Amino acid sequence: TELAQRLDKTMRTVQKYESGEIEPSIAMINAIAKILNISP
C-alpha cells in the first residue's frame, strides 16, 4: 500500500508487478528503484 501510494498507483497494480502478472515499463522501474533506493 505504501509503495503504491508513492507511485500513485493502486495496491492491485503493485501486486501485479510483484507477481509478474504485468511487466513494469522502464520508466516505472526507475520510479520504483528511486523509492526503494536500489539501482534500476
PDB file of all heavy atoms in Angstrom:
ATOM      1  N   THR A   1       0.829  -1.208   0.000  1.00  0.00           N
ATOM      2  CA  THR A   1       0.000   0.000   0.000  1.00  0.00           C
ATOM      3  C   THR A   1       0.860   1.253   0.000  1.00  0.00           C
ATOM      4  O   THR A   1       0.599   2.205  -0.755  1.00  0.00           O
ATOM      5  CB  THR A   1      -0.932   0.014   1.224  1.00  0.00           C
ATOM      6  OG1 THR A   1      -1.773  -1.139   1.190  1.00  0.00           O
ATOM      7  CG2 THR A   1      -1.791   1.271   1.235  1.00  0.00           C
ATOM      8  N   GLU A   2       1.903   1.263   0.821  1.00  0.00           N
ATOM      9  CA  GLU A   2       2.793   2.430   0.892  1.00  0.00           C
ATOM     10  C   GLU A   2       3.533   2.653  -0.424  1.00  0.00           C
ATOM     11  O   GLU A   2       3.668   3.792  -0.891  1.00  0.00           O
ATOM     12  CB  GLU A   2       3.778   2.253   2.036  1.00  0.00           C
ATOM     13  CG  GLU A   2       3.138   2.356   3.421  1.00  0.00           C
ATOM     14  CD  GLU A   2       4.085   1.956   4.528  1.00  0.00           C
ATOM     15  OE1 GLU A   2       4.884   1.007   4.334  1.00  0.00           O
ATOM     16  OE2 GLU A   2       4.041   2.592   5.596  1.00  0.00           O
ATOM     17  N   LEU A   3       3.991   1.556  -1.022  1.00  0.00           N
ATOM     18  CA  LEU A   3       4.679   1.694  -2.312  1.00  0.00           C
ATOM     19  C   LEU A   3       3.709   2.202  -3.373  1.00  0.00           C
ATOM     20  O   LEU A   3       4.060   3.067  -4.184  1.00  0.00           O
ATOM     21  CB  LEU A   3       5.283   0.357  -2.737  1.00  0.00           C
ATOM     22  CG  LEU A   3       5.990   0.338  -4.102  1.00  0.00           C
ATOM     23  CD1 LEU A   3       7.116   1.376  -4.149  1.00  0.00           C
ATOM     24  CD2 LEU A   3       6.532  -1.052  -4.417  1.00  0.00           C
ATOM     25  N   ALA A   4       2.513   1.680  -3.359  1.00  0.00           N
ATOM     26  CA  ALA A   4       1.501   2.111  -4.327  1.00  0.00           C
ATOM     27  C   ALA A   4       1.208   3.601  -4.190  1.00  0.00           C
ATOM     28  O   ALA A   4       1.085   4.319  -5.190  1.00  0.00           O
ATOM     29  CB  ALA A   4       0.223   1.298  -4.140  1.00  0.00           C
ATOM     30  N   GLN A   5       1.104   4.075  -2.964  1.00  0.00           N
ATOM     31  CA  GLN A   5       0.819   5.493  -2.736  1.00  0.00           C
ATOM     32  C   GLN A   5       1.942   6.368  -3.275  1.00  0.00           C
ATOM     33  O   GLN A   5       1.691   7.406  -3.893  1.00  0.00           O
ATOM     34  CB  GLN A   5       0.616   5.738  -1.241  1.00  0.00           C
ATOM     35  CG  GLN A   5      -0.691   5.165  -0.697  1.00  0.00           C
ATOM     36  CD  GLN A   5      -0.785   5.279   0.814  1.00  0.00           C
ATOM     37  OE1 GLN A   5       0.205   5.498   1.513  1.00  0.00           O
ATOM     38  NE2 GLN A   5      -2.005   5.111   1.334  1.00  0.00           N
ATOM     39  N   ARG A   6       3.181   5.951  -3.058  1.00  0.00           N
ATOM     40  CA  ARG A   6       4.315   6.745  -3.530  1.00  0.00           C
ATOM     41  C   ARG A   6       4.423   6.729  -5.052  1.00  0.00           C
ATOM     42  O   ARG A   6       4.930   7.672  -5.657  1.00  0.00           O
ATOM     43  CB  ARG A   6       5.610   6.235  -2.903  1.00  0.00           C
ATOM     44  CG  ARG A   6       5.674   6.401  -1.394  1.00  0.00           C
ATOM     45  CD  ARG A   6       7.086   6.251  -0.898  1.00  0.00           C
ATOM     46  NE  ARG A   6       7.155   6.245   0.561  1.00  0.00           N
ATOM     47  CZ  ARG A   6       8.291   6.250   1.246  1.00  0.00           C
ATOM     48  NH1 ARG A   6       9.456   6.242   0.598  1.00  0.00           N
ATOM     49  NH2 ARG A   6       8.284   6.243   2.561  1.00  0.00           N
ATOM     50  N   LEU A   7       3.943   5.655  -5.645  1.00  0.00           N
ATOM     51  CA  LEU A   7       3.963   5.549  -7.111  1.00  0.00           C
ATOM     52  C   LEU A   7       2.722   6.147  -7.753  1.00  0.00           C
ATOM     53  O   LEU A   7       2.659   6.257  -8.977  1.00  0.00           O
ATOM     54  CB  LEU A   7       4.080   4.079  -7.533  1.00  0.00           C
ATOM     55  CG  LEU A   7       5.391   3.358  -7.227  1.00  0.00           C
ATOM     56  CD1 LEU A   7       5.244   1.868  -7.502  1.00  0.00           C
ATOM     57  CD2 LEU A   7       6.533   3.950  -8.048  1.00  0.00           C
ATOM     58  N   ASP A   8       1.759   6.525  -6.918  1.00  0.00           N
ATOM     59  CA  ASP A   8       0.462   7.000  -7.406  1.00  0.00           C
ATOM     60  C   ASP A   8      -0.228   5.909  -8.236  1.00  0.00           C
ATOM     61  O   ASP A   8      -0.794   6.158  -9.292  1.00  0.00           O
ATOM     62  CB  ASP A   8       0.617   8.272  -8.229  1.00  0.00           C
ATOM     63  CG  ASP A   8      -0.712   9.002  -8.424  1.00  0.00           C
ATOM     64  OD1 ASP A   8      -1.625   8.800  -7.605  1.00  0.00           O
ATOM     65  OD2 ASP A   8      -0.837   9.760  -9.415  1.00  0.00           O
ATOM     66  N   LYS A   9      -0.138   4.681  -7.710  1.00  0.00           N
ATOM     67  CA  LYS A   9      -0.777   3.523  -8.334  1.00  0.00           C
ATOM     68  C   LYS A   9      -1.658   2.845  -7.306  1.00  0.00           C
ATOM     69  O   LYS A   9      -1.604   3.149  -6.116  1.00  0.00           O
ATOM     70  CB  LYS A   9       0.286   2.529  -8.846  1.00  0.00           C
ATOM     71  CG  LYS A   9       1.190   3.060  -9.937  1.00  0.00           C
ATOM     72  CD  LYS A   9       0.459   3.195 -11.251  1.00  0.00           C
ATOM     73  CE  LYS A   9       1.390   3.631 -12.364  1.00  0.00           C
ATOM     74  NZ  LYS A   9       0.691   3.761 -13.660  1.00  0.00           N
ATOM     75  N   THR A  10      -2.475   1.902  -7.778  1.00  0.00           N
ATOM     76  CA  THR A  10      -3.290   1.138  -6.844  1.00  0.00           C
ATOM     77  C   THR A  10      -2.465   0.003  -6.251  1.00  0.00           C
ATOM     78  O   THR A  10      -1.451  -0.420  -6.834  1.00  0.00           O
ATOM     79  CB  THR A  10      -4.514   0.535  -7.551  1.00  0.00           C
ATOM     80  OG1 THR A  10      -4.073  -0.414  -8.532  1.00  0.00           O
ATOM     81  CG2 THR A  10      -5.337   1.631  -8.232  1.00  0.00           C
ATOM     82  N   MET A  11      -2.883  -0.486  -5.110  1.00  0.00           N
ATOM     83  CA  MET A  11      -2.180  -1.603  -4.494  1.00  0.00           C
ATOM     84  C   MET A  11      -2.242  -2.827  -5.409  1.00  0.00           C
ATOM     85  O   MET A  11      -1.299  -3.621  -5.476  1.00  0.00           O
ATOM     86  CB  MET A  11      -2.777  -1.944  -3.135  1.00  0.00           C
ATOM     87  CG  MET A  11      -1.983  -3.021  -2.389  1.00  0.00           C
ATOM     88  SD  MET A  11      -2.683  -3.485  -0.798  1.00  0.00           S
ATOM     89  CE  MET A  11      -4.139  -4.393  -1.326  1.00  0.00           C
ATOM     90  N   ARG A  12      -3.365  -2.977  -6.117  1.00  0.00           N
ATOM     91  CA  ARG A  12      -3.518  -4.116  -7.021  1.00  0.00           C
ATOM     92  C   ARG A  12      -2.472  -4.076  -8.131  1.00  0.00           C
ATOM     93  O   ARG A  12      -1.933  -5.123  -8.530  1.00  0.00           O
ATOM     94  CB  ARG A  12      -4.930  -4.117  -7.617  1.00  0.00           C
ATOM     95  CG  ARG A  12      -5.203  -5.247  -8.598  1.00  0.00           C
ATOM     96  CD  ARG A  12      -4.973  -6.599  -7.972  1.00  0.00           C
ATOM     97  NE  ARG A  12      -5.161  -7.679  -8.925  1.00  0.00           N
ATOM     98  CZ  ARG A  12      -4.477  -8.805  -8.926  1.00  0.00           C
ATOM     99  NH1 ARG A  12      -3.550  -9.027  -8.004  1.00  0.00           N
ATOM    100  NH2 ARG A  12      -4.711  -9.738  -9.820  1.00  0.00           N
ATOM    101  N   THR A  13      -2.135  -2.878  -8.607  1.00  0.00           N
ATOM    102  CA  THR A  13      -1.099  -2.755  -9.638  1.00  0.00           C
ATOM    103  C   THR A  13       0.245  -3.195  -9.103  1.00  0.00           C
ATOM    104  O   THR A  13       0.989  -3.920  -9.768  1.00  0.00           O
ATOM    105  CB  THR A  13      -1.009  -1.305 -10.147  1.00  0.00           C
ATOM    106  OG1 THR A  13      -2.250  -0.932 -10.742  1.00  0.00           O
ATOM    107  CG2 THR A  13       0.096  -1.147 -11.176  1.00  0.00           C
ATOM    108  N   VAL A  14       0.558  -2.789  -7.876  1.00  0.00           N
ATOM    109  CA  VAL A  14       1.816  -3.211  -7.254  1.00  0.00           C
ATOM    110  C   VAL A  14       1.833  -4.720  -7.077  1.00  0.00           C
ATOM    111  O   VAL A  14       2.859  -5.380  -7.303  1.00  0.00           O
ATOM    112  CB  VAL A  14       2.029  -2.492  -5.904  1.00  0.00           C
ATOM    113  CG1 VAL A  14       3.214  -3.099  -5.146  1.00  0.00           C
ATOM    114  CG2 VAL A  14       2.256  -1.003  -6.125  1.00  0.00           C
ATOM    115  N   GLN A  15       0.721  -5.278  -6.690  1.00  0.00           N
ATOM    116  CA  GLN A  15       0.636  -6.728  -6.546  1.00  0.00           C
ATOM    117  C   GLN A  15       0.910  -7.426  -7.881  1.00  0.00           C
ATOM    118  O   GLN A  15       1.584  -8.453  -7.931  1.00  0.00           O
ATOM    119  CB  GLN A  15      -0.750  -7.128  -6.022  1.00  0.00           C
ATOM    120  CG  GLN A  15      -0.984  -6.759  -4.564  1.00  0.00           C
ATOM    121  CD  GLN A  15      -2.407  -7.058  -4.118  1.00  0.00           C
ATOM    122  OE1 GLN A  15      -3.335  -7.136  -4.941  1.00  0.00           O
ATOM    123  NE2 GLN A  15      -2.597  -7.226  -2.809  1.00  0.00           N
ATOM    124  N   LYS A  16       0.390  -6.851  -8.967  1.00  0.00           N
ATOM    125  CA  LYS A  16       0.616  -7.427 -10.300  1.00  0.00           C
ATOM    126  C   LYS A  16       2.081  -7.311 -10.713  1.00  0.00           C
ATOM    127  O   LYS A  16       2.621  -8.208 -11.363  1.00  0.00           O
ATOM    128  CB  LYS A  16      -0.281  -6.740 -11.329  1.00  0.00           C
ATOM    129  CG  LYS A  16      -1.755  -7.095 -11.203  1.00  0.00           C
ATOM    130  CD  LYS A  16      -2.577  -6.413 -12.294  1.00  0.00           C
ATOM    131  CE  LYS A  16      -4.049  -6.808 -12.204  1.00  0.00           C
ATOM    132  NZ  LYS A  16      -4.860  -6.168 -13.270  1.00  0.00           N
ATOM    133  N   TYR A  17       2.715  -6.201 -10.346  1.00  0.00           N
ATOM    134  CA  TYR A  17       4.148  -6.070 -10.614  1.00  0.00           C
ATOM    135  C   TYR A  17       4.916  -7.178  -9.905  1.00  0.00           C
ATOM    136  O   TYR A  17       5.777  -7.840 -10.502  1.00  0.00           O
ATOM    137  CB  TYR A  17       4.672  -4.716 -10.114  1.00  0.00           C
ATOM    138  CG  TYR A  17       4.251  -3.509 -10.924  1.00  0.00           C
ATOM    139  CD1 TYR A  17       4.226  -2.241 -10.346  1.00  0.00           C
ATOM    140  CD2 TYR A  17       3.891  -3.620 -12.264  1.00  0.00           C
ATOM    141  CE1 TYR A  17       3.861  -1.120 -11.075  1.00  0.00           C
ATOM    142  CE2 TYR A  17       3.507  -2.516 -12.999  1.00  0.00           C
ATOM    143  CZ  TYR A  17       3.497  -1.252 -12.398  1.00  0.00           C
ATOM    144  OH  TYR A  17       3.131  -0.150 -13.113  1.00  0.00           O
ATOM    145  N   GLU A  18       4.603  -7.381  -8.630  1.00  0.00           N
ATOM    146  CA  GLU A  18       5.366  -8.332  -7.818  1.00  0.00           C
ATOM    147  C   GLU A  18       5.073  -9.780  -8.189  1.00  0.00           C
ATOM    148  O   GLU A  18       5.937 -10.644  -8.036  1.00  0.00           O
ATOM    149  CB  GLU A  18       5.083  -8.087  -6.336  1.00  0.00           C
ATOM    150  CG  GLU A  18       5.604  -6.743  -5.838  1.00  0.00           C
ATOM    151  CD  GLU A  18       5.519  -6.600  -4.329  1.00  0.00           C
ATOM    152  OE1 GLU A  18       4.945  -7.497  -3.666  1.00  0.00           O
ATOM    153  OE2 GLU A  18       6.018  -5.581  -3.799  1.00  0.00           O
ATOM    154  N   SER A  19       3.897 -10.046  -8.677  1.00  0.00           N
ATOM    155  CA  SER A  19       3.559 -11.416  -9.070  1.00  0.00           C
ATOM    156  C   SER A  19       4.024 -11.744 -10.482  1.00  0.00           C
ATOM    157  O   SER A  19       4.024 -12.911 -10.885  1.00  0.00           O
ATOM    158  CB  SER A  19       2.041 -11.628  -8.970  1.00  0.00           C
ATOM    159  OG  SER A  19       1.366 -10.849  -9.956  1.00  0.00           O
ATOM    160  N   GLY A  20       4.426 -10.710 -11.224  1.00  0.00           N
ATOM    161  CA  GLY A  20       4.836 -10.923 -12.605  1.00  0.00           C
ATOM    162  C   GLY A  20       3.667 -10.949 -13.565  1.00  0.00           C
ATOM    163  O   GLY A  20       3.838 -11.275 -14.745  1.00  0.00           O
ATOM    164  N   GLU A  21       2.483 -10.594 -13.067  1.00  0.00           N
ATOM    165  CA  GLU A  21       1.292 -10.595 -13.925  1.00  0.00           C
ATOM    166  C   GLU A  21       1.409  -9.531 -15.010  1.00  0.00           C
ATOM    167  O   GLU A  21       0.964  -9.728 -16.132  1.00  0.00           O
ATOM    168  CB  GLU A  21       0.045 -10.354 -13.074  1.00  0.00           C
ATOM    169  CG  GLU A  21      -1.256 -10.544 -13.821  1.00  0.00           C
ATOM    170  CD  GLU A  21      -2.456 -10.430 -12.901  1.00  0.00           C
ATOM    171  OE1 GLU A  21      -2.284 -10.550 -11.668  1.00  0.00           O
ATOM    172  OE2 GLU A  21      -3.577 -10.224 -13.417  1.00  0.00           O
ATOM    173  N   ILE A  22       2.009  -8.399 -14.661  1.00  0.00           N
ATOM    174  CA  ILE A  22       2.300  -7.369 -15.654  1.00  0.00           C
ATOM    175  C   ILE A  22       3.756  -6.930 -15.471  1.00  0.00           C
ATOM    176  O   ILE A  22       4.298  -6.977 -14.368  1.00  0.00           O
ATOM    177  CB  ILE A  22       1.362  -6.143 -15.547  1.00  0.00           C
ATOM    178  CG1 ILE A  22       1.428  -5.524 -14.143  1.00  0.00           C
ATOM    179  CG2 ILE A  22      -0.049  -6.500 -15.926  1.00  0.00           C
ATOM    180  CD1 ILE A  22       0.598  -4.265 -14.007  1.00  0.00           C
ATOM    181  N   GLU A  23       4.363  -6.529 -16.562  1.00  0.00           N
ATOM    182  CA  GLU A  23       5.759  -6.084 -16.517  1.00  0.00           C
ATOM    183  C   GLU A  23       5.810  -4.562 -16.467  1.00  0.00           C
ATOM    184  O   GLU A  23       5.255  -3.893 -17.352  1.00  0.00           O
ATOM    185  CB  GLU A  23       6.523  -6.585 -17.744  1.00  0.00           C
ATOM    186  CG  GLU A  23       7.989  -6.195 -17.748  1.00  0.00           C
ATOM    187  CD  GLU A  23       8.719  -6.726 -18.973  1.00  0.00           C
ATOM    188  OE1 GLU A  23       8.072  -7.375 -19.820  1.00  0.00           O
ATOM    189  OE2 GLU A  23       9.922  -6.480 -19.083  1.00  0.00           O
ATOM    190  N   PRO A  24       6.450  -3.988 -15.475  1.00  0.00           N
ATOM    191  CA  PRO A  24       6.537  -2.529 -15.390  1.00  0.00           C
ATOM    192  C   PRO A  24       7.394  -1.964 -16.512  1.00  0.00           C
ATOM    193  O   PRO A  24       8.354  -2.596 -16.956  1.00  0.00           O
ATOM    194  CB  PRO A  24       7.183  -2.287 -14.020  1.00  0.00           C
ATOM    195  CG  PRO A  24       7.914  -3.542 -13.716  1.00  0.00           C
ATOM    196  CD  PRO A  24       7.128  -4.649 -14.343  1.00  0.00           C
ATOM    197  N   SER A  25       7.030  -0.781 -16.981  1.00  0.00           N
ATOM    198  CA  SER A  25       7.822  -0.108 -18.008  1.00  0.00           C
ATOM    199  C   SER A  25       9.158   0.319 -17.414  1.00  0.00           C
ATOM    200  O   SER A  25       9.343   0.318 -16.191  1.00  0.00           O
ATOM    201  CB  SER A  25       7.073   1.120 -18.529  1.00  0.00           C
ATOM    202  OG  SER A  25       6.959   2.098 -17.489  1.00  0.00           O
ATOM    203  N   ILE A  26      10.092   0.709 -18.279  1.00  0.00           N
ATOM    204  CA  ILE A  26      11.395   1.147 -17.778  1.00  0.00           C
ATOM    205  C   ILE A  26      11.238   2.411 -16.945  1.00  0.00           C
ATOM    206  O   ILE A  26      11.974   2.615 -15.964  1.00  0.00           O
ATOM    207  CB  ILE A  26      12.382   1.366 -18.946  1.00  0.00           C
ATOM    208  CG1 ILE A  26      13.798   1.601 -18.412  1.00  0.00           C
ATOM    209  CG2 ILE A  26      11.938   2.498 -19.844  1.00  0.00           C
ATOM    210  CD1 ILE A  26      14.378   0.452 -17.641  1.00  0.00           C
ATOM    211  N   ALA A  27      10.270   3.272 -17.302  1.00  0.00           N
ATOM    212  CA  ALA A  27      10.023   4.481 -16.500  1.00  0.00           C
ATOM    213  C   ALA A  27       9.537   4.100 -15.100  1.00  0.00           C
ATOM    214  O   ALA A  27       9.945   4.708 -14.100  1.00  0.00           O
ATOM    215  CB  ALA A  27       9.004   5.371 -17.201  1.00  0.00           C
ATOM    216  N   MET A  28       8.686   3.080 -15.021  1.00  0.00           N
ATOM    217  CA  MET A  28       8.185   2.629 -13.725  1.00  0.00           C
ATOM    218  C   MET A  28       9.292   1.935 -12.927  1.00  0.00           C
ATOM    219  O   MET A  28       9.376   2.100 -11.708  1.00  0.00           O
ATOM    220  CB  MET A  28       6.993   1.686 -13.921  1.00  0.00           C
ATOM    221  CG  MET A  28       6.356   1.213 -12.623  1.00  0.00           C
ATOM    222  SD  MET A  28       5.835   2.580 -11.535  1.00  0.00           S
ATOM    223  CE  MET A  28       4.665   3.441 -12.589  1.00  0.00           C
ATOM    224  N   ILE A  29      10.154   1.196 -13.631  1.00  0.00           N
ATOM    225  CA  ILE A  29      11.299   0.572 -12.970  1.00  0.00           C
ATOM    226  C   ILE A  29      12.162   1.643 -12.311  1.00  0.00           C
ATOM    227  O   ILE A  29      12.596   1.510 -11.157  1.00  0.00           O
ATOM    228  CB  ILE A  29      12.141  -0.242 -13.973  1.00  0.00           C
ATOM    229  CG1 ILE A  29      11.420  -1.548 -14.359  1.00  0.00           C
ATOM    230  CG2 ILE A  29      13.524  -0.553 -13.408  1.00  0.00           C
ATOM    231  CD1 ILE A  29      11.384  -2.582 -13.257  1.00  0.00           C
ATOM    232  N   ASN A  30      12.403   2.730 -13.036  1.00  0.00           N
ATOM    233  CA  ASN A  30      13.209   3.824 -12.490  1.00  0.00           C
ATOM    234  C   ASN A  30      12.532   4.452 -11.272  1.00  0.00           C
ATOM    235  O   ASN A  30      13.199   4.783 -10.277  1.00  0.00           O
ATOM    236  CB  ASN A  30      13.439   4.892 -13.557  1.00  0.00           C
ATOM    237  CG  ASN A  30      14.394   4.435 -14.648  1.00  0.00           C
ATOM    238  OD1 ASN A  30      15.257   3.586 -14.415  1.00  0.00           O
ATOM    239  ND2 ASN A  30      14.242   4.977 -15.843  1.00  0.00           N
ATOM    240  N   ALA A  31      11.209   4.617 -11.350  1.00  0.00           N
ATOM    241  CA  ALA A  31      10.465   5.221 -10.231  1.00  0.00           C
ATOM    242  C   ALA A  31      10.503   4.314  -9.004  1.00  0.00           C
ATOM    243  O   ALA A  31      10.725   4.773  -7.874  1.00  0.00           O
ATOM    244  CB  ALA A  31       9.026   5.490 -10.652  1.00  0.00           C
ATOM    245  N   ILE A  32      10.295   3.029  -9.217  1.00  0.00           N
ATOM    246  CA  ILE A  32      10.325   2.069  -8.109  1.00  0.00           C
ATOM    247  C   ILE A  32      11.721   2.018  -7.494  1.00  0.00           C
ATOM    248  O   ILE A  32      11.882   2.014  -6.266  1.00  0.00           O
ATOM    249  CB  ILE A  32       9.899   0.666  -8.589  1.00  0.00           C
ATOM    250  CG1 ILE A  32       8.424   0.682  -9.015  1.00  0.00           C
ATOM    251  CG2 ILE A  32      10.124  -0.378  -7.497  1.00  0.00           C
ATOM    252  CD1 ILE A  32       7.964  -0.605  -9.682  1.00  0.00           C
ATOM    253  N   ALA A  33      12.742   1.974  -8.356  1.00  0.00           N
ATOM    254  CA  ALA A  33      14.123   1.896  -7.876  1.00  0.00           C
ATOM    255  C   ALA A  33      14.475   3.111  -7.025  1.00  0.00           C
ATOM    256  O   ALA A  33      15.156   2.980  -6.000  1.00  0.00           O
ATOM    257  CB  ALA A  33      15.073   1.788  -9.066  1.00  0.00           C
ATOM    258  N   LYS A  34      14.005   4.283  -7.435  1.00  0.00           N
ATOM    259  CA  LYS A  34      14.310   5.500  -6.671  1.00  0.00           C
ATOM    260  C   LYS A  34      13.675   5.450  -5.289  1.00  0.00           C
ATOM    261  O   LYS A  34      14.306   5.797  -4.281  1.00  0.00           O
ATOM    262  CB  LYS A  34      13.811   6.727  -7.437  1.00  0.00           C
ATOM    263  CG  LYS A  34      14.170   8.047  -6.783  1.00  0.00           C
ATOM    264  CD  LYS A  34      13.736   9.221  -7.642  1.00  0.00           C
ATOM    265  CE  LYS A  34      14.132  10.550  -7.002  1.00  0.00           C
ATOM    266  NZ  LYS A  34      13.714  11.711  -7.841  1.00  0.00           N
ATOM    267  N   ILE A  35      12.426   4.982  -5.224  1.00  0.00           N
ATOM    268  CA  ILE A  35      11.730   4.899  -3.941  1.00  0.00           C
ATOM    269  C   ILE A  35      12.377   3.868  -3.025  1.00  0.00           C
ATOM    270  O   ILE A  35      12.540   4.085  -1.821  1.00  0.00           O
ATOM    271  CB  ILE A  35      10.243   4.557  -4.165  1.00  0.00           C
ATOM    272  CG1 ILE A  35       9.532   5.719  -4.861  1.00  0.00           C
ATOM    273  CG2 ILE A  35       9.552   4.215  -2.848  1.00  0.00           C
ATOM    274  CD1 ILE A  35       8.126   5.377  -5.334  1.00  0.00           C
ATOM    275  N   LEU A  36      12.781   2.733  -3.612  1.00  0.00           N
ATOM    276  CA  LEU A  36      13.326   1.636  -2.815  1.00  0.00           C
ATOM    277  C   LEU A  36      14.844   1.731  -2.635  1.00  0.00           C
ATOM    278  O   LEU A  36      15.446   0.831  -2.039  1.00  0.00           O
ATOM    279  CB  LEU A  36      12.966   0.297  -3.467  1.00  0.00           C
ATOM    280  CG  LEU A  36      11.460   0.029  -3.635  1.00  0.00           C
ATOM    281  CD1 LEU A  36      11.235  -1.339  -4.262  1.00  0.00           C
ATOM    282  CD2 LEU A  36      10.740   0.131  -2.293  1.00  0.00           C
ATOM    283  N   ASN A  37      15.423   2.808  -3.173  1.00  0.00           N
ATOM    284  CA  ASN A  37      16.860   3.041  -3.016  1.00  0.00           C
ATOM    285  C   ASN A  37      17.676   1.862  -3.532  1.00  0.00           C
ATOM    286  O   ASN A  37      18.547   1.315  -2.843  1.00  0.00           O
ATOM    287  CB  ASN A  37      17.205   3.328  -1.546  1.00  0.00           C
ATOM    288  CG  ASN A  37      18.598   3.921  -1.389  1.00  0.00           C
ATOM    289  OD1 ASN A  37      19.081   4.607  -2.287  1.00  0.00           O
ATOM    290  ND2 ASN A  37      19.234   3.662  -0.249  1.00  0.00           N
ATOM    291  N   ILE A  38      17.383   1.481  -4.762  1.00  0.00           N
ATOM    292  CA  ILE A  38      18.085   0.378  -5.410  1.00  0.00           C
ATOM    293  C   ILE A  38      18.359   0.783  -6.846  1.00  0.00           C
ATOM    294  O   ILE A  38      17.666   1.626  -7.417  1.00  0.00           O
ATOM    295  CB  ILE A  38      17.242  -0.922  -5.348  1.00  0.00           C
ATOM    296  CG1 ILE A  38      18.029  -2.110  -5.905  1.00  0.00           C
ATOM    297  CG2 ILE A  38      15.919  -0.758  -6.075  1.00  0.00           C
ATOM    298  CD1 ILE A  38      17.319  -3.447  -5.763  1.00  0.00           C
ATOM    299  N   SER A  39      19.359   0.207  -7.431  1.00  0.00           N
ATOM    300  CA  SER A  39      19.696   0.512  -8.815  1.00  0.00           C
ATOM    301  C   SER A  39      18.643  -0.073  -9.758  1.00  0.00           C
ATOM    302  O   SER A  39      18.223  -1.221  -9.581  1.00  0.00           O
ATOM    303  CB  SER A  39      21.068  -0.079  -9.157  1.00  0.00           C
ATOM    304  OG  SER A  39      21.223  -0.228 -10.542  1.00  0.00           O
ATOM    305  N   PRO A  40      18.201   0.685 -10.767  1.00  0.00           N
ATOM    306  CA  PRO A  40      17.283   0.122 -11.757  1.00  0.00           C
ATOM    307  C   PRO A  40      17.867  -1.111 -12.437  1.00  0.00           C
ATOM    308  O   PRO A  40      17.145  -2.063 -12.737  1.00  0.00           O
ATOM    309  CB  PRO A  40      17.080   1.269 -12.758  1.00  0.00           C
ATOM    310  CG  PRO A  40      17.422   2.504 -12.004  1.00  0.00           C
ATOM    311  CD  PRO A  40      18.489   2.109 -11.041  1.00  0.00           C
TER     312      PRO A  40
END
